[in-house]
N, C-alpha and C. Protein backbone atom coordinates (compact mmCIF):
# COMPACT_ATOMS: atom_id res chain seq x y z
N UNK A 1 0.85 -1.17 0.00
CA UNK A 1 0.00 0.00 0.00
C UNK A 1 0.90 1.23 0.00
N UNK A 2 0.50 2.20 -0.74
CA UNK A 2 1.25 3.44 -0.79
C UNK A 2 0.34 4.57 -0.32
N UNK A 3 0.87 5.40 0.59
CA UNK A 3 0.13 6.52 1.14
C UNK A 3 0.96 7.78 0.93
N UNK A 4 0.32 8.83 0.48
CA UNK A 4 1.01 10.11 0.30
C UNK A 4 0.42 11.11 1.27
N UNK A 5 1.28 11.76 2.04
CA UNK A 5 0.83 12.80 2.96
C UNK A 5 1.67 14.05 2.76
N UNK A 6 1.09 15.17 3.07
CA UNK A 6 1.81 16.44 3.01
C UNK A 6 2.25 16.81 4.42
N UNK A 7 3.55 16.92 4.60
CA UNK A 7 4.10 17.26 5.91
C UNK A 7 4.47 18.74 5.95
N UNK A 8 4.29 19.35 7.11
CA UNK A 8 4.80 20.72 7.25
C UNK A 8 6.33 20.69 7.10
N UNK A 9 6.90 21.74 6.56
CA UNK A 9 8.36 21.74 6.32
C UNK A 9 9.19 21.46 7.56
N UNK A 10 8.78 21.97 8.72
CA UNK A 10 9.59 21.73 9.92
C UNK A 10 9.59 20.26 10.33
N UNK A 11 8.44 19.59 10.18
CA UNK A 11 8.36 18.17 10.51
C UNK A 11 9.17 17.35 9.51
N UNK A 12 9.09 17.72 8.26
CA UNK A 12 9.87 17.03 7.24
C UNK A 12 11.37 17.11 7.54
N UNK A 13 11.83 18.29 7.88
CA UNK A 13 13.25 18.46 8.19
C UNK A 13 13.64 17.67 9.44
N UNK A 14 12.77 17.65 10.45
CA UNK A 14 13.05 16.87 11.66
C UNK A 14 13.18 15.38 11.34
N UNK A 15 12.28 14.87 10.51
CA UNK A 15 12.32 13.46 10.14
C UNK A 15 13.57 13.13 9.34
N UNK A 16 13.92 13.99 8.40
CA UNK A 16 15.13 13.78 7.60
C UNK A 16 16.37 13.78 8.50
N UNK A 17 16.41 14.71 9.44
CA UNK A 17 17.55 14.80 10.36
C UNK A 17 17.63 13.55 11.25
N UNK A 18 16.48 13.12 11.79
CA UNK A 18 16.48 11.94 12.65
C UNK A 18 16.88 10.68 11.87
N UNK A 19 16.44 10.57 10.62
CA UNK A 19 16.81 9.42 9.79
C UNK A 19 18.31 9.42 9.53
N UNK A 20 18.86 10.58 9.27
CA UNK A 20 20.30 10.67 9.02
C UNK A 20 21.09 10.32 10.29
N UNK A 21 20.64 10.82 11.43
CA UNK A 21 21.33 10.53 12.69
C UNK A 21 21.25 9.05 13.04
N UNK A 22 20.13 8.43 12.71
CA UNK A 22 19.94 7.01 13.02
C UNK A 22 20.54 6.11 11.94
N UNK A 23 21.02 6.72 10.86
CA UNK A 23 21.61 5.99 9.74
C UNK A 23 20.63 4.97 9.17
N UNK A 24 19.39 5.43 8.93
CA UNK A 24 18.38 4.56 8.34
C UNK A 24 17.59 5.35 7.31
N UNK A 25 16.97 4.66 6.37
CA UNK A 25 16.15 5.35 5.38
C UNK A 25 14.96 6.06 6.05
N UNK A 26 14.55 7.14 5.45
CA UNK A 26 13.43 7.92 5.97
C UNK A 26 12.17 7.06 6.08
N UNK A 27 11.93 6.23 5.07
CA UNK A 27 10.75 5.37 5.07
C UNK A 27 10.76 4.44 6.28
N UNK A 28 11.90 3.88 6.62
CA UNK A 28 12.01 2.98 7.77
C UNK A 28 11.70 3.71 9.07
N UNK A 29 12.23 4.92 9.20
CA UNK A 29 11.97 5.72 10.40
C UNK A 29 10.47 5.99 10.55
N UNK A 30 9.83 6.35 9.47
CA UNK A 30 8.39 6.65 9.52
C UNK A 30 7.59 5.39 9.82
N UNK A 31 7.95 4.27 9.21
CA UNK A 31 7.25 3.01 9.49
C UNK A 31 7.38 2.59 10.95
N UNK A 32 8.58 2.75 11.51
CA UNK A 32 8.78 2.42 12.92
C UNK A 32 7.92 3.30 13.82
N UNK A 33 7.85 4.58 13.50
CA UNK A 33 7.03 5.50 14.30
C UNK A 33 5.55 5.13 14.22
N UNK A 34 5.10 4.78 13.02
CA UNK A 34 3.69 4.38 12.87
C UNK A 34 3.40 3.08 13.62
N UNK A 35 4.32 2.13 13.56
CA UNK A 35 4.11 0.87 14.28
C UNK A 35 4.06 1.10 15.79
N UNK A 36 4.96 1.92 16.30
CA UNK A 36 4.94 2.22 17.75
C UNK A 36 3.61 2.87 18.14
N UNK A 37 3.14 3.77 17.31
CA UNK A 37 1.90 4.48 17.62
C UNK A 37 0.71 3.53 17.61
N UNK A 38 0.62 2.69 16.59
CA UNK A 38 -0.54 1.80 16.51
C UNK A 38 -0.47 0.70 17.56
N UNK A 39 0.72 0.20 17.88
CA UNK A 39 0.85 -0.85 18.89
C UNK A 39 0.56 -0.31 20.28
N UNK A 40 1.04 0.89 20.59
CA UNK A 40 0.78 1.44 21.92
C UNK A 40 -0.68 1.79 22.09
N UNK A 41 -1.34 2.20 21.01
CA UNK A 41 -2.77 2.51 21.09
C UNK A 41 -3.56 1.24 21.33
N UNK A 42 -3.22 0.18 20.64
CA UNK A 42 -3.93 -1.08 20.82
C UNK A 42 -3.72 -1.62 22.22
N UNK A 43 -2.51 -1.54 22.72
CA UNK A 43 -2.22 -2.03 24.07
C UNK A 43 -2.92 -1.19 25.11
N UNK A 44 -2.97 0.11 24.91
CA UNK A 44 -3.59 0.99 25.89
C UNK A 44 -5.09 0.76 25.97
N UNK A 45 -5.74 0.47 24.86
CA UNK A 45 -7.18 0.28 24.90
C UNK A 45 -7.58 -1.11 25.35
N UNK A 46 -6.67 -2.06 25.36
CA UNK A 46 -7.03 -3.40 25.74
C UNK A 46 -6.76 -3.68 27.22
N UNK A 47 -6.27 -2.72 27.95
CA UNK A 47 -5.95 -2.94 29.35
C UNK A 47 -6.76 -1.99 30.23
N UNK A 48 -6.95 -2.37 31.47
CA UNK A 48 -7.60 -1.51 32.43
C UNK A 48 -6.66 -0.37 32.78
N UNK A 49 -7.22 0.78 33.13
CA UNK A 49 -6.39 1.91 33.54
C UNK A 49 -5.77 1.61 34.91
N UNK A 50 -4.71 2.34 35.21
CA UNK A 50 -4.00 2.14 36.48
C UNK A 50 -4.91 2.41 37.68
N UNK A 51 -5.84 3.34 37.54
CA UNK A 51 -6.75 3.67 38.64
C UNK A 51 -7.62 2.46 38.98
N UNK A 52 -8.11 1.77 37.94
CA UNK A 52 -8.95 0.60 38.17
C UNK A 52 -8.12 -0.55 38.74
N UNK A 53 -6.94 -0.76 38.20
CA UNK A 53 -6.09 -1.85 38.68
C UNK A 53 -5.69 -1.64 40.13
N UNK A 54 -5.42 -0.40 40.51
CA UNK A 54 -4.95 -0.11 41.87
C UNK A 54 -6.09 -0.07 42.89
N UNK A 55 -7.35 -0.09 42.44
CA UNK A 55 -8.46 0.04 43.37
C UNK A 55 -8.51 -1.16 44.31
N UNK A 56 -8.48 -0.88 45.58
CA UNK A 56 -8.48 -1.95 46.58
C UNK A 56 -9.85 -2.17 47.20
N UNK A 57 -10.82 -1.34 46.87
CA UNK A 57 -12.14 -1.49 47.44
C UNK A 57 -12.27 -0.78 48.77
N UNK A 58 -13.42 -0.89 49.37
CA UNK A 58 -13.67 -0.30 50.68
C UNK A 58 -13.81 -1.43 51.69
N UNK A 59 -12.96 -1.45 52.69
CA UNK A 59 -12.99 -2.58 53.62
C UNK A 59 -14.32 -2.72 54.37
N UNK A 60 -15.06 -1.63 54.58
CA UNK A 60 -16.31 -1.70 55.32
C UNK A 60 -17.48 -2.16 54.45
N UNK A 61 -17.30 -2.23 53.15
CA UNK A 61 -18.37 -2.59 52.23
C UNK A 61 -18.52 -4.10 52.19
N UNK A 62 -19.74 -4.62 52.35
CA UNK A 62 -19.91 -6.08 52.33
C UNK A 62 -19.56 -6.66 50.97
N UNK A 63 -19.10 -7.88 50.96
CA UNK A 63 -18.76 -8.57 49.71
C UNK A 63 -20.03 -8.78 48.90
N UNK A 64 -19.91 -8.81 47.59
CA UNK A 64 -21.07 -9.02 46.72
C UNK A 64 -21.78 -10.32 47.03
N UNK A 65 -21.02 -11.35 47.35
CA UNK A 65 -21.61 -12.65 47.64
C UNK A 65 -22.55 -12.60 48.84
N UNK A 66 -22.40 -11.63 49.71
CA UNK A 66 -23.28 -11.52 50.88
C UNK A 66 -24.72 -11.24 50.47
N UNK A 67 -24.93 -10.70 49.29
CA UNK A 67 -26.28 -10.38 48.82
C UNK A 67 -26.88 -11.49 47.97
N UNK A 68 -26.16 -12.55 47.74
CA UNK A 68 -26.60 -13.60 46.84
C UNK A 68 -27.94 -14.21 47.28
N UNK A 69 -28.15 -14.39 48.57
CA UNK A 69 -29.39 -15.00 49.06
C UNK A 69 -30.60 -14.10 48.80
N UNK A 70 -30.38 -12.79 48.66
CA UNK A 70 -31.48 -11.87 48.45
C UNK A 70 -31.89 -11.75 46.98
N UNK A 71 -31.10 -12.32 46.08
CA UNK A 71 -31.40 -12.24 44.65
C UNK A 71 -32.60 -13.11 44.31
N UNK A 72 -33.43 -12.64 43.41
CA UNK A 72 -34.58 -13.42 42.96
C UNK A 72 -34.11 -14.47 41.97
N UNK A 73 -34.77 -15.64 41.98
CA UNK A 73 -34.39 -16.65 40.99
C UNK A 73 -34.80 -16.19 39.59
N UNK A 74 -34.15 -16.69 38.56
CA UNK A 74 -34.51 -16.28 37.20
C UNK A 74 -35.93 -16.72 36.85
N UNK A 75 -36.60 -15.95 36.04
CA UNK A 75 -37.96 -16.25 35.61
C UNK A 75 -37.94 -17.41 34.63
N UNK A 76 -38.69 -18.43 34.94
CA UNK A 76 -38.79 -19.59 34.06
C UNK A 76 -40.02 -19.42 33.19
N UNK A 77 -39.85 -19.22 31.89
CA UNK A 77 -41.03 -19.03 31.03
C UNK A 77 -41.80 -20.35 30.88
N UNK A 78 -43.11 -20.22 30.81
CA UNK A 78 -43.94 -21.41 30.59
C UNK A 78 -43.97 -21.70 29.10
N UNK A 79 -43.60 -22.91 28.76
CA UNK A 79 -43.54 -23.27 27.33
C UNK A 79 -44.87 -23.73 26.80
N UNK A 80 -45.73 -24.31 27.63
CA UNK A 80 -47.02 -24.82 27.15
C UNK A 80 -48.13 -24.31 27.99
């Protein structure tokens, strides 16, 4: 697949400079940047945020299982 984009001159010069410093073709530098961006986005959306992971709960709050006896049984539809 071939994609053509118009870059602002300052970004173009930065990319050319970085490619030269890294001793790699410009295309390779851009492909690596795109891969990092798409991989980090996919990883970030597939994981829970740190706030959720770090949540320890409230010690005074009863466990969910404590309410199990109060739940109504599922409705059984009459077939005939």
